[in-house]
Protein backbone atom coordinates (compact mmCIF):
# COMPACT_ATOMS: atom_id res chain seq x y z
CA MET A 1 -37.48 69.88 1.57
CA THR A 2 -36.70 72.73 3.94
CA LYS A 3 -33.25 73.70 5.08
CA GLN A 4 -34.12 72.87 8.68
CA SER A 5 -35.21 69.27 7.85
CA ILE A 6 -32.03 68.66 5.79
CA PHE A 7 -29.88 70.18 8.53
CA GLY A 8 -31.51 67.94 11.02
CA ARG A 9 -30.95 64.86 8.84
CA ILE A 10 -27.34 65.80 8.34
CA THR A 11 -26.90 66.27 12.20
CA THR A 12 -28.47 62.93 12.88
CA LEU A 13 -26.33 61.13 10.31
CA ILE A 14 -23.14 62.75 11.54
CA ARG A 15 -23.80 61.85 15.04
CA ALA A 16 -24.61 58.19 14.36
CA ASN A 17 -22.23 55.69 15.87
CA ILE A 18 -21.39 53.51 12.89
CA ASN A 19 -19.59 50.83 14.74
CA SER A 20 -22.38 50.42 17.18
CA ILE A 21 -25.00 50.15 14.44
CA ILE A 22 -22.88 47.62 12.53
CA ASP A 23 -22.07 45.59 15.68
CA SER A 24 -25.83 45.16 16.57
CA ALA A 25 -26.94 44.22 12.98
CA GLU A 26 -27.58 40.63 12.24
CA ASP A 27 -25.97 40.86 8.87
CA PRO A 28 -23.19 43.70 9.12
CA GLU A 29 -22.52 43.58 5.43
CA LYS A 30 -26.08 44.27 4.47
CA MET A 31 -26.34 46.89 7.13
CA ILE A 32 -23.30 48.73 5.73
CA ASP A 33 -24.70 48.55 2.24
CA GLN A 34 -28.05 50.08 3.45
CA LEU A 35 -26.14 52.84 5.35
CA ILE A 36 -24.10 53.53 2.33
CA ARG A 37 -27.30 53.98 0.27
CA ASP A 38 -28.81 56.05 2.91
CA TYR A 39 -25.82 58.44 3.19
CA THR A 40 -25.40 58.64 -0.59
CA ASN A 41 -29.08 59.68 -0.98
CA ASN A 42 -28.90 62.14 1.80
CA ILE A 43 -25.72 63.65 0.52
CA ALA A 44 -27.49 64.17 -2.77
CA ASP A 45 -30.39 65.86 -1.04
CA ALA A 46 -28.02 68.00 1.02
CA GLU A 47 -26.11 69.17 -1.95
CA SER A 48 -29.30 70.20 -3.70
CA ALA A 49 -30.44 72.10 -0.65
CA ILE A 50 -26.94 73.67 -0.19
CA ALA A 51 -26.90 74.70 -3.87
CA GLU A 52 -30.31 76.34 -3.50
CA THR A 53 -29.31 78.06 -0.38
CA ILE A 54 -26.08 79.33 -1.80
CA GLY A 55 -27.93 80.62 -4.96
CA ASN A 56 -30.26 82.49 -2.68
CA LEU A 57 -27.48 83.96 -0.66
CA ARG A 58 -25.71 85.04 -3.80
CA LEU A 59 -28.85 86.80 -4.95
CA LEU A 60 -29.18 88.55 -1.60
CA GLU A 61 -25.49 89.59 -1.74
CA GLN A 62 -25.87 90.82 -5.26
CA ASP A 63 -28.89 92.98 -4.33
CA TYR A 64 -26.98 94.18 -1.18
CA ASP A 65 -24.02 95.19 -3.43
CA GLU A 66 -26.43 96.95 -5.90
CA ASP A 67 -28.05 98.79 -2.97
CA VAL A 68 -24.58 99.93 -1.70
CA GLN A 69 -23.54 100.93 -5.16
CA THR A 70 -26.81 102.77 -5.75
CA ALA A 71 -26.43 104.60 -2.41
CA GLY A 72 -22.91 105.66 -3.39
CA GLU A 73 -24.12 106.86 -6.81
CA TRP A 74 -26.91 108.88 -5.21
CA GLY A 75 -24.55 110.32 -2.79
CA ARG A 76 -22.22 111.49 -5.53
CA LYS A 77 -25.17 113.03 -7.35
CA ALA A 78 -26.31 114.89 -4.20
CA LEU A 79 -22.87 116.19 -3.66
CA ALA A 80 -22.76 117.31 -7.39
CA ALA A 81 -26.04 118.98 -7.17
CA SER A 82 -25.22 120.80 -3.88
CA SER A 83 -21.91 121.93 -5.33
CA LYS A 84 -23.69 123.37 -8.34
CA ALA A 85 -26.22 125.12 -6.09
CA ASP A 86 -23.37 126.77 -4.04
CA GLU A 87 -21.67 127.76 -7.26
CA LEU A 88 -24.90 129.32 -8.73
CA ARG A 89 -25.73 131.02 -5.44
CA THR A 90 -22.23 132.48 -5.29
CA ALA A 91 -22.88 133.77 -8.79
CA GLY A 92 -26.03 135.45 -7.44
CA ASN A 93 -28.36 133.04 -9.37
CA SER A 94 -30.43 131.96 -6.31
CA ALA A 95 -33.48 130.58 -8.33
CA ASP A 96 -31.27 128.03 -10.07
CA ALA A 97 -29.33 127.40 -7.01
CA ASP A 98 -32.46 126.51 -5.17
CA LYS A 99 -33.46 123.94 -7.94
CA PHE A 100 -29.96 122.18 -7.61
CA ASP A 101 -30.41 122.08 -3.75
CA ASN A 102 -33.79 120.45 -4.34
CA LEU A 103 -32.08 117.97 -6.69
CA ALA A 104 -29.48 117.27 -4.01
CA LYS A 105 -32.23 116.60 -1.59
CA VAL A 106 -33.96 114.09 -3.94
CA ALA A 107 -30.64 112.39 -4.49
CA LEU A 108 -29.90 112.27 -0.67
CA GLN A 109 -33.48 110.75 -0.07
CA ARG A 110 -32.79 108.01 -2.62
CA GLN A 111 -29.24 107.45 -1.16
CA ILE A 112 -31.04 106.92 2.30
CA THR A 113 -33.56 104.59 0.80
CA ALA A 114 -30.86 102.37 -0.76
CA GLU A 115 -28.81 102.44 2.43
CA ASN A 116 -31.90 101.52 4.44
CA GLU A 117 -32.55 98.57 1.97
CA ALA A 118 -28.95 97.43 2.23
CA ARG A 119 -28.95 97.73 6.07
CA THR A 120 -32.16 95.65 6.22
CA ALA A 121 -30.63 92.98 4.10
CA GLU A 122 -27.46 92.57 6.27
CA PRO A 123 -29.03 90.38 9.09
CA THR A 124 -30.65 88.06 6.52
CA ILE A 125 -27.38 87.77 4.55
CA ALA A 126 -25.48 86.97 7.81
CA SER A 127 -28.09 84.41 8.76
CA GLN A 128 -27.99 82.78 5.30
CA ARG A 129 -24.14 82.70 5.43
CA GLU A 130 -24.29 80.84 8.82
CA VAL A 131 -26.71 78.31 7.58
CA THR A 132 -24.68 77.87 4.34
CA ASP A 133 -21.57 77.34 6.46
CA LYS A 134 -23.36 74.87 8.69
CA LEU A 135 -24.76 72.96 5.78
CA LYS A 136 -21.39 72.71 4.02
CA SER A 137 -19.74 71.55 7.35
CA GLY A 138 -22.48 68.94 7.63
CA LEU A 139 -22.06 67.83 4.06
CA ASN A 140 -18.37 67.33 4.59
CA GLY A 141 -19.05 65.40 7.74
CA MET A 142 -21.42 63.12 5.95
CA LYS A 143 -18.93 62.63 3.07
CA ASP A 144 -16.35 61.61 5.71
CA LYS A 145 -18.85 59.19 7.21
CA LEU A 146 -19.56 57.69 3.86
CA GLN A 147 -15.87 57.15 3.25
CA GLN A 148 -15.68 55.48 6.70
CA LEU A 149 -18.52 53.22 5.66
CA GLN A 150 -16.93 52.24 2.37
CA SER A 151 -13.72 51.50 4.16
CA LYS A 152 -15.43 49.62 6.74
CA ARG A 153 -17.26 47.47 4.13
CA ALA A 154 -13.93 46.74 2.42
CA GLU A 155 -12.44 45.74 5.63
CA LEU A 156 -15.34 43.54 6.75
CA VAL A 157 -15.42 41.73 3.25
CA ALA A 158 -11.71 41.20 3.53
CA ARG A 159 -12.04 39.78 7.05
CA ALA A 160 -14.89 37.59 6.02
CA LYS A 161 -12.88 36.12 3.13
CA THR A 162 -9.93 35.78 5.42
CA ALA A 163 -11.87 33.94 8.04
CA GLU A 164 -13.50 31.60 5.40
CA ALA A 165 -9.98 30.75 4.06
CA GLN A 166 -8.84 30.02 7.52
CA ASN A 167 -11.69 27.75 8.23
CA ARG A 168 -11.16 25.84 4.98
CA VAL A 169 -7.50 25.31 5.86
CA ALA A 170 -8.29 24.20 9.38
CA ASP A 171 -10.83 21.71 8.10
CA ALA A 172 -8.28 20.39 5.52
CA VAL A 173 -5.63 20.10 8.19
CA LYS A 174 -7.97 18.22 10.46
CA SER A 175 -9.03 15.81 7.75
CA ILE A 176 -5.32 14.72 7.13
CA ASP A 177 -4.24 14.80 10.83
CA VAL A 178 -2.32 11.50 11.27
CA LEU A 179 -2.46 11.75 15.00
CA ASP A 180 -6.22 11.70 15.05
CA PRO A 181 -7.13 8.11 16.22
CA THR A 182 -10.56 8.51 14.64
CA SER A 183 -9.14 9.27 11.22
CA ASP A 184 -8.69 6.64 8.43
CA LEU A 185 -4.86 6.63 8.76
CA GLY A 186 -5.26 6.18 12.48
CA ARG A 187 -7.46 3.09 12.04
CA PHE A 188 -5.22 1.77 9.35
CA GLU A 189 -2.02 2.19 11.64
CA GLU A 190 -3.90 0.36 14.45
CA LYS A 191 -4.63 -2.56 12.12
CA ILE A 192 -1.11 -2.75 11.22
CA ARG A 193 0.05 -2.82 14.80
CA ARG A 194 -2.24 -5.69 15.48
CA GLN A 195 -0.89 -7.66 12.58
CA GLU A 196 2.62 -6.96 13.72
CA ALA A 197 1.77 -8.14 17.25
CA LEU A 198 0.09 -11.29 15.75
CA ALA A 199 3.26 -12.06 13.66
CA ARG A 200 5.52 -11.64 16.86
CA GLY A 201 3.21 -14.04 18.73
CA LYS A 202 3.36 -16.64 15.91
CA GLN A 203 7.22 -16.31 15.80
CA GLU A 204 7.42 -16.88 19.62
CA ILE A 205 5.23 -19.97 19.28
CA ALA A 206 7.38 -21.28 16.42
CA ALA A 207 10.59 -20.71 18.44
CA SER A 208 9.10 -22.50 21.41
CA THR A 209 8.16 -25.58 19.37
CA LEU A 210 11.66 -25.81 17.81
CA ASP A 211 13.25 -25.80 21.22
CA SER A 212 10.99 -28.61 22.29
CA GLN A 213 12.00 -30.71 19.26
CA PHE A 214 15.66 -30.32 20.10
CA ASN A 215 15.05 -31.24 23.67
CA GLU A 216 13.13 -34.38 22.62
CA LEU A 217 16.11 -35.34 20.26
CA GLU A 218 18.69 -35.10 23.08
CA ASN A 219 16.55 -37.15 25.36
CA PHE A 220 16.25 -39.80 22.74
CA GLU A 221 20.01 -39.99 22.28
CA ALA A 222 20.48 -40.45 26.03
CA VAL A 223 18.03 -43.37 26.15
CA THR A 224 19.69 -45.04 23.23
CA GLU A 225 23.12 -44.90 24.95
CA VAL A 226 21.77 -46.40 28.08
CA GLU A 227 20.08 -49.25 26.17
CA ALA A 228 23.34 -49.87 24.34
CA ARG A 229 25.41 -50.14 27.54
CA LEU A 230 22.91 -52.42 29.21
CA ALA A 231 23.09 -54.81 26.19
CA ALA A 232 26.88 -54.77 26.48
CA LEU A 233 26.72 -55.70 30.24
CA LYS A 234 24.40 -58.58 29.57
CA SER A 235 26.69 -60.02 26.87
CA GLY A 236 29.63 -59.94 29.28
CA ALA A 237 31.49 -57.16 27.71
CA ARG A 238 33.28 -54.70 29.78
CA PRO A 239 31.86 -51.21 29.65
CA GLN A 240 33.97 -48.64 27.88
CA ALA A 241 35.50 -46.19 30.15
CA ILE A 242 35.60 -42.57 29.50
CA GLU A 243 39.00 -41.77 27.79
CA GLN A 244 41.04 -39.63 30.01
């Protein structure tokens, strides 16, 4: 997989609105699990691509350092050969002096070649460093997103369990609500109230019947007294007066 495609996938995943994706899912927990798998797999791909990119960058940097070092060495050799040529020329040995000047020229040419190679590599190294930095930043962003997903999943599972427990408690409370007229206790209470009312009705009836009996007894005694006095009158006896 090319660095461009990896970088594109990293950018897409980092910009993804996790909350929006989860909210629009029919099963948020399954969606989070899928996203976690996607991010985990892409992180692994990104790490592999970044490792390869960094490896290539280090090779370029190593070659660049070697070119710079080689250019320096050839520069020192050119200086040494030129100094030797000057020394020989001062001593009157022009032939040998020319030889060392020629060596100095060869060294300088090789120094120029090494410097050109180093200079040519600089833009490539700079570009590779930029790509590597972006990939590293993107990788860190994906890891942050993955952590958010994992935290979101834990939060979602906890909320689901809490909601389930709350529903169980609510159902249990509803089933034992003594104020609910449709509950068993409500119906049982209504039955007792009716029995109590019936008992009060029977008591009132019984009390009414007893009063009637006493009234009949008093009426009977009054009639008996009248009959007795009438009999006394007929026999010639004087009626008894009420004692003062």
